N, C-alpha and C. Protein backbone atom coordinates (compact mmCIF):
# COMPACT_ATOMS: atom_id res chain seq x y z
N MET A 1 224.99 44.61 162.72
CA MET A 1 226.21 44.31 161.87
C MET A 1 227.20 44.09 162.48
N ASN A 2 228.35 43.45 161.89
CA ASN A 2 229.72 42.66 162.66
C ASN A 2 230.59 43.88 162.30
N GLY A 3 230.62 45.03 161.39
CA GLY A 3 231.63 45.72 160.62
C GLY A 3 232.58 44.93 159.96
N ALA A 4 232.22 43.78 159.83
CA ALA A 4 233.66 43.40 158.76
C ALA A 4 232.88 43.26 157.36
N THR A 5 231.97 42.43 156.98
CA THR A 5 231.25 42.16 156.03
C THR A 5 229.62 42.54 155.70
N THR A 6 229.07 43.08 155.60
CA THR A 6 227.36 43.27 155.60
C THR A 6 227.22 42.70 154.15
N MET A 7 225.72 41.69 154.28
CA MET A 7 225.43 41.29 152.87
C MET A 7 223.91 42.00 152.96
N ARG A 8 224.04 42.40 151.64
CA ARG A 8 222.38 43.17 151.11
C ARG A 8 222.57 43.02 149.85
N HIS A 9 221.34 42.82 149.37
CA HIS A 9 221.05 42.82 148.06
C HIS A 9 220.82 44.16 147.36
N GLY A 10 220.92 44.44 146.03
CA GLY A 10 220.45 45.70 145.74
C GLY A 10 221.60 46.65 145.23
N PHE A 11 222.49 46.44 145.71
CA PHE A 11 223.73 47.29 145.31
C PHE A 11 224.81 46.79 145.11
N ARG A 12 226.06 47.03 144.62
CA ARG A 12 227.42 46.57 144.68
C ARG A 12 228.62 47.55 144.39
N LEU A 13 229.59 47.35 145.14
CA LEU A 13 230.73 48.85 145.11
C LEU A 13 231.54 47.84 144.05
N VAL A 14 232.12 48.92 143.36
CA VAL A 14 232.75 48.85 142.17
C VAL A 14 234.29 49.88 142.29
N GLY A 15 235.23 49.06 141.98
CA GLY A 15 236.82 50.22 142.04
C GLY A 15 236.48 50.45 140.91
N ILE A 16 237.88 51.48 140.63
CA ILE A 16 238.01 52.09 139.33
C ILE A 16 238.80 51.21 138.60
N ASP A 17 239.01 51.42 137.30
CA ASP A 17 239.57 51.00 136.11
C ASP A 17 241.18 50.99 136.57
N HIS A 18 241.73 49.77 136.59
CA HIS A 18 243.38 49.82 136.77
C HIS A 18 244.11 50.21 135.85
N ALA A 19 243.41 50.31 134.31
CA ALA A 19 244.41 50.13 133.24
C ALA A 19 245.09 51.51 133.13
N PRO A 20 244.35 52.72 133.41
CA PRO A 20 245.29 54.19 133.17
C PRO A 20 246.28 54.10 134.30
N PHE A 21 246.35 53.47 135.09
CA PHE A 21 247.33 53.61 136.04
C PHE A 21 248.67 52.78 135.87
N GLU A 22 248.80 51.54 135.34
CA GLU A 22 249.85 50.81 135.18
C GLU A 22 250.80 51.54 134.56
N ALA A 23 250.84 51.77 133.86
CA ALA A 23 252.10 52.40 133.08
C ALA A 23 252.81 53.51 134.20
N LEU A 24 251.96 54.16 135.03
CA LEU A 24 252.36 55.40 135.88
C LEU A 24 253.50 54.95 136.94
N PHE A 25 253.34 53.46 137.01
CA PHE A 25 254.41 52.88 138.10
C PHE A 25 255.42 52.75 137.64
N GLU A 26 255.79 52.52 136.06
CA GLU A 26 257.11 52.61 135.58
C GLU A 26 257.97 53.81 135.23
N LEU A 27 257.27 54.77 135.85
CA LEU A 27 257.54 56.45 135.86
C LEU A 27 258.54 56.84 136.68
N THR A 28 259.69 57.59 136.77
CA THR A 28 260.45 57.86 137.84
C THR A 28 259.70 58.88 138.83
N ASP A 29 260.23 59.45 140.01
CA ASP A 29 259.56 60.04 140.88
C ASP A 29 259.57 61.35 140.37
N GLU A 30 260.52 61.97 139.55
CA GLU A 30 260.68 63.22 138.80
C GLU A 30 259.36 63.29 137.79
N GLU A 31 259.49 62.40 136.90
CA GLU A 31 258.03 62.10 135.92
C GLU A 31 256.48 62.39 136.67
N LEU A 32 256.56 61.37 137.81
CA LEU A 32 255.31 61.37 138.82
C LEU A 32 254.91 62.78 139.26
N ARG A 33 256.12 63.69 139.55
CA ARG A 33 256.09 64.59 140.41
C ARG A 33 255.35 65.77 139.21
N ALA A 34 255.62 65.53 137.97
CA ALA A 34 255.05 66.76 136.76
C ALA A 34 253.81 66.04 136.28
N ARG A 35 253.51 65.08 136.77
CA ARG A 35 251.70 64.76 136.71
C ARG A 35 251.31 65.13 138.04
N HIS A 36 251.79 65.40 138.85
CA HIS A 36 251.29 66.06 140.30
C HIS A 36 250.92 64.71 141.04
N ALA A 37 251.85 63.62 141.04
CA ALA A 37 251.24 62.28 141.56
C ALA A 37 253.05 62.06 142.14
N VAL A 38 252.68 61.36 143.24
CA VAL A 38 253.81 60.90 144.29
C VAL A 38 253.92 59.39 144.23
N ARG A 39 254.87 58.58 144.34
CA ARG A 39 254.99 57.13 144.99
C ARG A 39 255.03 56.87 146.36
N ARG A 40 254.48 56.15 147.03
CA ARG A 40 254.51 56.18 148.18
C ARG A 40 254.52 54.32 148.84
N VAL A 41 255.16 54.18 149.74
CA VAL A 41 255.11 52.75 150.59
C VAL A 41 254.22 52.84 151.58
N ALA A 42 253.28 52.02 151.79
CA ALA A 42 252.53 51.49 153.01
C ALA A 42 253.22 51.60 153.91
N THR A 43 252.97 52.45 155.34
CA THR A 43 253.83 52.15 156.51
C THR A 43 253.12 51.36 157.47
N ALA A 44 251.84 51.03 157.01
CA ALA A 44 250.83 50.18 158.02
C ALA A 44 249.98 49.42 157.16
N SER A 45 248.97 48.69 157.57
CA SER A 45 248.22 47.89 156.55
C SER A 45 246.83 48.46 156.65
N THR A 46 246.67 49.77 157.30
CA THR A 46 245.36 50.26 157.41
C THR A 46 246.08 52.11 156.99
N GLY A 47 244.94 52.70 156.34
CA GLY A 47 245.63 53.77 155.74
C GLY A 47 246.00 54.33 154.23
N PHE A 48 246.12 53.37 153.74
CA PHE A 48 246.27 53.56 152.51
C PHE A 48 245.11 52.89 151.65
N PRO A 49 244.32 53.13 151.45
CA PRO A 49 242.95 52.93 150.61
C PRO A 49 243.23 52.79 149.29
N CYS A 50 243.12 51.52 148.65
CA CYS A 50 243.33 51.45 147.23
C CYS A 50 242.22 51.58 146.57
N ARG A 51 242.07 52.74 145.57
CA ARG A 51 240.52 52.66 145.11
C ARG A 51 240.28 51.88 143.73
N VAL A 52 241.28 50.91 143.29
CA VAL A 52 241.12 49.88 142.57
C VAL A 52 240.52 48.69 143.04
N SER A 53 241.27 48.44 144.00
CA SER A 53 241.15 47.02 144.40
C SER A 53 240.20 46.81 146.02
N LEU A 54 239.52 47.79 146.03
CA LEU A 54 238.76 48.22 147.69
C LEU A 54 239.36 47.68 148.71
N GLU A 55 240.66 47.76 148.63
CA GLU A 55 241.28 47.17 150.11
C GLU A 55 242.22 48.26 150.42
N ASP A 56 242.61 47.92 151.83
CA ASP A 56 243.68 48.75 152.51
C ASP A 56 245.10 48.31 151.75
N ALA A 57 246.20 49.08 151.48
CA ALA A 57 247.35 48.34 151.17
C ALA A 57 247.83 47.82 152.38
N ARG A 58 248.74 46.63 152.08
CA ARG A 58 249.53 45.98 153.33
C ARG A 58 250.72 46.58 153.15
N GLU A 59 251.46 46.92 154.68
CA GLU A 59 252.58 47.55 154.88
C GLU A 59 253.74 47.02 154.06
N GLY A 60 254.61 47.78 153.55
CA GLY A 60 255.25 47.58 152.68
C GLY A 60 255.18 47.89 150.92
N GLU A 61 253.71 47.74 150.68
CA GLU A 61 253.11 47.92 149.34
C GLU A 61 253.61 49.22 148.75
N GLU A 62 253.85 49.26 147.32
CA GLU A 62 254.12 50.22 146.76
C GLU A 62 252.50 50.54 146.40
N LEU A 63 252.29 52.10 146.28
CA LEU A 63 251.42 52.97 145.80
C LEU A 63 251.59 54.20 144.94
N LEU A 64 250.82 54.47 144.46
CA LEU A 64 250.89 56.00 143.99
C LEU A 64 249.54 56.70 144.64
N LEU A 65 249.91 58.08 144.78
CA LEU A 65 248.95 59.08 145.51
C LEU A 65 249.16 60.07 144.26
N LEU A 66 247.51 60.27 143.59
CA LEU A 66 247.41 60.91 142.43
C LEU A 66 246.32 61.56 142.07
N PRO A 67 246.45 62.73 141.70
CA PRO A 67 244.84 63.29 141.71
C PRO A 67 244.13 62.40 140.40
N TYR A 68 242.49 62.40 140.81
CA TYR A 68 241.76 61.61 139.85
C TYR A 68 240.29 62.42 139.78
N GLU A 69 239.86 62.28 138.42
CA GLU A 69 238.55 62.90 138.38
C GLU A 69 237.51 61.63 138.62
N HIS A 70 236.98 61.68 139.78
CA HIS A 70 236.16 60.42 139.89
C HIS A 70 234.67 60.79 139.49
N HIS A 71 234.23 61.95 139.35
CA HIS A 71 233.08 62.43 138.95
C HIS A 71 232.94 63.13 137.74
N PRO A 72 233.41 62.77 136.52
CA PRO A 72 233.30 63.62 135.38
C PRO A 72 231.92 63.90 134.62
N ALA A 73 231.29 64.01 135.64
CA ALA A 73 229.94 64.37 135.02
C ALA A 73 229.82 65.61 134.32
N ALA A 74 228.84 66.05 133.08
CA ALA A 74 228.35 67.46 132.94
C ALA A 74 227.17 67.85 133.77
N SER A 75 227.77 68.17 135.08
CA SER A 75 226.99 68.87 135.85
C SER A 75 228.00 69.74 136.84
N PRO A 76 227.16 70.86 137.92
CA PRO A 76 228.07 71.09 138.86
C PRO A 76 228.45 70.23 139.80
N TYR A 77 228.25 69.05 140.06
CA TYR A 77 228.93 68.23 140.83
C TYR A 77 229.99 67.63 140.21
N ARG A 78 230.46 67.80 139.19
CA ARG A 78 231.79 67.35 138.45
C ARG A 78 232.74 67.66 139.61
N ALA A 79 233.81 66.31 139.91
CA ALA A 79 234.57 66.73 140.66
C ALA A 79 235.71 65.77 140.79
N SER A 80 236.98 66.07 141.13
CA SER A 80 238.20 65.39 141.30
C SER A 80 238.84 65.17 142.56
N GLY A 81 239.89 64.41 142.85
CA GLY A 81 240.57 64.71 144.37
C GLY A 81 241.45 63.55 144.41
N PRO A 82 242.25 63.36 145.38
CA PRO A 82 243.44 62.67 145.40
C PRO A 82 243.04 61.16 145.67
N ILE A 83 243.58 60.16 145.02
CA ILE A 83 243.31 58.67 145.76
C ILE A 83 244.67 57.94 145.63
N TYR A 84 244.67 56.73 146.23
CA TYR A 84 246.01 55.78 146.32
C TYR A 84 245.64 54.65 144.93
N VAL A 85 246.27 54.06 144.54
CA VAL A 85 246.38 53.28 143.64
C VAL A 85 247.62 52.09 144.10
N ARG A 86 247.39 50.77 144.05
CA ARG A 86 248.36 50.03 144.52
C ARG A 86 249.06 49.73 143.07
N ARG A 87 250.06 48.99 143.30
CA ARG A 87 250.67 48.36 142.20
C ARG A 87 250.21 47.01 141.88
N GLY A 88 249.69 46.30 140.44
CA GLY A 88 249.52 45.04 140.06
C GLY A 88 248.34 44.79 140.39
N VAL A 89 247.32 45.88 140.65
CA VAL A 89 245.95 45.13 141.27
C VAL A 89 244.87 45.41 139.66
N ARG A 90 243.94 44.48 140.00
CA ARG A 90 242.87 44.81 138.76
C ARG A 90 241.72 45.22 139.57
N ARG A 91 241.00 45.89 138.64
CA ARG A 91 239.56 46.45 139.23
C ARG A 91 238.60 45.43 139.78
N ARG A 92 238.41 45.61 140.98
CA ARG A 92 237.52 44.72 141.51
C ARG A 92 235.91 45.27 141.95
N THR A 93 234.86 44.37 141.58
CA THR A 93 233.68 44.58 141.42
C THR A 93 233.21 43.78 142.65
N LEU A 94 232.54 44.10 143.62
CA LEU A 94 232.44 43.24 144.83
C LEU A 94 230.87 42.56 144.59
N PRO A 95 230.87 41.24 145.25
CA PRO A 95 229.41 40.67 145.11
C PRO A 95 228.53 41.58 145.66
N PRO A 96 227.12 41.66 144.92
CA PRO A 96 226.05 42.31 145.62
C PRO A 96 225.85 42.42 147.01
N GLY A 97 225.73 43.23 147.71
CA GLY A 97 225.29 43.52 148.87
C GLY A 97 226.76 43.68 150.00
N GLU A 98 227.52 43.14 149.41
CA GLU A 98 229.25 43.04 150.37
C GLU A 98 229.85 44.44 150.48
N VAL A 99 229.99 44.64 151.77
CA VAL A 99 230.95 46.09 152.32
C VAL A 99 232.34 45.56 152.66
N PRO A 100 233.28 45.91 152.40
CA PRO A 100 234.40 45.27 152.77
C PRO A 100 234.97 46.11 154.04
N PRO A 101 235.95 45.72 154.71
CA PRO A 101 236.62 46.21 155.67
C PRO A 101 237.43 47.77 155.60
N TYR A 102 237.41 47.66 154.17
CA TYR A 102 237.83 49.13 153.60
C TYR A 102 237.14 49.93 153.77
N VAL A 103 235.69 49.75 153.64
CA VAL A 103 234.71 50.85 154.10
C VAL A 103 234.11 51.03 155.70
N THR A 104 234.44 50.01 156.20
CA THR A 104 233.41 49.60 157.43
C THR A 104 234.23 50.11 158.30
N ARG A 105 235.69 50.01 158.37
CA ARG A 105 236.24 50.72 159.38
C ARG A 105 236.79 52.37 159.04
N ARG A 106 236.00 53.07 158.42
CA ARG A 106 235.88 54.66 157.92
C ARG A 106 234.71 55.42 158.49
N LEU A 107 235.04 56.37 158.90
CA LEU A 107 233.74 57.48 158.58
C LEU A 107 233.54 57.65 157.20
N ILE A 108 232.45 57.42 156.35
CA ILE A 108 231.99 57.49 155.34
C ILE A 108 230.77 58.54 154.76
N SER A 109 230.93 59.20 153.89
CA SER A 109 230.30 60.46 153.41
C SER A 109 229.38 59.50 151.86
N VAL A 110 228.05 59.21 151.99
CA VAL A 110 227.52 58.63 150.99
C VAL A 110 226.57 59.60 150.28
N ARG A 111 226.90 60.02 149.16
CA ARG A 111 226.42 60.75 148.30
C ARG A 111 225.70 60.39 146.99
N ALA A 112 224.50 60.39 147.16
CA ALA A 112 223.62 59.80 146.03
C ALA A 112 223.33 60.88 144.70
N TYR A 113 223.44 60.30 143.70
CA TYR A 113 223.11 61.24 142.35
C TYR A 113 221.86 60.87 141.50
N ASP A 114 221.05 61.43 140.61
CA ASP A 114 220.25 61.14 140.04
C ASP A 114 221.04 60.88 138.47
N ALA A 115 220.10 60.59 137.63
CA ALA A 115 220.41 60.29 136.10
C ALA A 115 221.21 61.56 135.38
N ARG A 116 220.74 62.47 136.04
CA ARG A 116 221.20 63.70 135.19
C ARG A 116 222.73 64.39 136.13
N HIS A 117 223.26 63.42 136.77
CA HIS A 117 224.38 63.77 137.84
C HIS A 117 224.25 64.86 138.92
N MET A 118 222.99 65.13 139.21
CA MET A 118 222.91 65.94 140.29
C MET A 118 222.79 65.12 141.53
N LEU A 119 223.23 65.89 142.74
CA LEU A 119 223.23 65.67 144.11
C LEU A 119 221.67 65.45 144.50
N VAL A 120 221.24 64.24 144.91
CA VAL A 120 219.90 64.16 145.58
C VAL A 120 219.98 64.06 146.69
N ALA A 121 220.82 63.52 147.53
CA ALA A 121 220.82 63.28 148.71
C ALA A 121 222.12 63.27 149.43
N ALA A 122 222.77 63.37 150.57
CA ALA A 122 223.94 63.02 150.98
C ALA A 122 224.09 62.73 152.87
N THR A 123 224.85 62.03 153.02
CA THR A 123 224.88 61.92 154.78
C THR A 123 226.26 61.37 154.93
N VAL A 124 226.84 61.26 156.08
CA VAL A 124 227.90 60.78 156.70
C VAL A 124 227.60 59.72 157.97
N CYS A 125 228.18 58.56 157.84
CA CYS A 125 228.02 57.72 158.58
C CYS A 125 229.15 56.88 159.04
N ASP A 126 229.06 56.28 160.00
CA ASP A 126 230.05 55.08 160.61
C ASP A 126 229.90 54.08 159.20
N GLY A 127 231.30 53.58 159.20
CA GLY A 127 231.29 52.74 158.03
C GLY A 127 230.33 51.40 158.17
N THR A 128 229.94 51.25 159.35
CA THR A 128 229.38 49.97 159.42
C THR A 128 227.77 50.28 159.12
N GLU A 129 227.35 51.15 159.24
CA GLU A 129 226.26 51.65 158.95
C GLU A 129 225.77 52.01 157.28
N VAL A 130 227.05 51.63 156.37
CA VAL A 130 226.89 52.13 154.72
C VAL A 130 226.24 51.31 154.18
N ALA A 131 225.90 50.33 154.43
CA ALA A 131 224.88 49.23 153.92
C ALA A 131 223.69 49.75 153.86
N ASP A 132 223.32 50.05 155.16
CA ASP A 132 221.75 50.44 155.45
C ASP A 132 221.67 52.22 154.60
N GLU A 133 222.75 52.70 154.52
CA GLU A 133 222.46 54.25 154.20
C GLU A 133 222.32 53.81 152.52
N ILE A 134 222.91 52.81 151.85
CA ILE A 134 222.99 52.71 150.56
C ILE A 134 221.39 52.23 150.28
N VAL A 135 220.98 51.10 150.87
CA VAL A 135 219.80 50.86 150.71
C VAL A 135 218.69 51.88 150.77
N ALA A 136 218.61 52.74 151.75
CA ALA A 136 217.90 53.76 151.92
C ALA A 136 217.83 54.78 150.84
N ARG A 137 219.18 54.93 150.26
CA ARG A 137 219.44 55.96 149.03
C ARG A 137 218.61 55.28 147.88
N PHE A 138 219.02 54.12 147.78
CA PHE A 138 218.46 53.13 146.34
C PHE A 138 216.64 53.15 146.34
N ALA A 139 216.40 53.25 148.04
CA ALA A 139 214.66 53.17 148.10
C ALA A 139 213.95 54.42 147.17
N ASP A 140 214.74 55.61 146.99
CA ASP A 140 214.51 56.57 146.09
C ASP A 140 214.36 56.29 144.67
N SER A 141 213.60 55.99 143.91
CA SER A 141 213.65 55.90 142.49
C SER A 141 214.42 57.03 141.57
N ASP A 142 214.83 57.87 142.47
CA ASP A 142 215.33 58.84 141.44
C ASP A 142 216.89 58.68 141.35
N VAL A 143 217.52 58.07 142.40
CA VAL A 143 218.56 58.06 142.87
C VAL A 143 219.41 56.75 141.53
N ALA A 144 220.52 57.36 140.84
CA ALA A 144 220.82 56.32 139.40
C ALA A 144 221.92 55.45 140.49
N TYR A 145 222.73 56.26 141.11
CA TYR A 145 223.88 55.71 141.58
C TYR A 145 224.33 56.52 142.73
N VAL A 146 225.47 55.85 143.60
CA VAL A 146 225.92 56.43 144.83
C VAL A 146 227.55 56.41 144.84
N HIS A 147 228.09 57.36 145.52
CA HIS A 147 229.58 57.70 145.65
C HIS A 147 229.95 57.60 147.23
N LEU A 148 230.47 56.72 147.47
CA LEU A 148 231.28 56.82 148.70
C LEU A 148 232.66 57.63 148.82
N HIS A 149 232.82 58.57 149.94
CA HIS A 149 233.89 59.43 150.09
C HIS A 149 234.08 59.03 151.50
N ASN A 150 235.96 59.04 151.85
CA ASN A 150 236.19 58.99 153.11
C ASN A 150 235.88 60.28 153.89
N ALA A 151 234.96 60.40 154.78
CA ALA A 151 234.50 61.58 155.30
C ALA A 151 235.73 62.63 155.88
N LYS A 152 236.65 61.97 156.64
CA LYS A 152 237.48 62.59 157.36
C LYS A 152 238.57 63.73 156.13
N GLN A 153 238.94 62.63 155.24
CA GLN A 153 239.79 63.57 154.35
C GLN A 153 239.28 63.53 152.85
N GLY A 154 237.95 63.40 152.86
CA GLY A 154 237.12 64.17 151.71
C GLY A 154 237.43 62.80 150.60
N CYS A 155 238.21 62.44 150.43
CA CYS A 155 238.77 61.49 149.17
C CYS A 155 237.59 60.59 148.62
N PHE A 156 237.70 60.39 147.51
CA PHE A 156 236.71 59.81 146.86
C PHE A 156 237.23 58.08 147.36
N SER A 157 236.16 57.56 147.51
CA SER A 157 236.33 56.04 147.97
C SER A 157 235.87 54.90 146.47
N CYS A 158 234.48 55.14 146.36
CA CYS A 158 234.09 54.30 145.26
C CYS A 158 232.78 54.11 145.00
N LEU A 159 232.41 53.80 143.94
CA LEU A 159 231.12 53.96 143.07
C LEU A 159 230.43 52.77 143.49
N VAL A 160 229.06 53.05 143.89
CA VAL A 160 228.16 51.86 144.26
C VAL A 160 226.70 52.02 142.95
N ASP A 161 226.70 51.03 142.84
CA ASP A 161 226.05 50.80 141.62
C ASP A 161 224.62 50.04 141.85
N ARG A 162 223.24 50.17 141.39
CA ARG A 162 222.23 49.21 141.63
C ARG A 162 222.74 48.04 141.00
N THR A 163 221.95 46.87 141.58
CA THR A 163 221.91 45.31 141.21
C THR A 163 220.58 45.24 140.86
């Protein structure tokens, strides 16, 4: 694998819905703080991963850093955490099998869940190995979906669906 884009079939990465965040960009910094959110400007072209577009923000782009319930499941694995969202982006669903640099350049936690939202398997791997891990997780018929997390910070990265 070359670490940029890996093509495999059987899965696709899905960004989160942009709609709930659009109006937040119009809030003042004080109003954002009341929602436990902060406005940021990317100081580099890596290190500010947008969970909507599945791309790192480019230097100078505006983002919000805010809490997000990424696993609102009725299970013990219900979870939330901080995410970055860029201004003006739309939800991105990648073509089947595509793993973008947003993932391949990071250490990733791969977490597989069943239909009852219970954790079935989890591992940490280099981002260039994520496609193989996803394929291995989906080889188990009990796995309904997979979540990717940035392993170092623990932040939710994206949902992975079967195709």
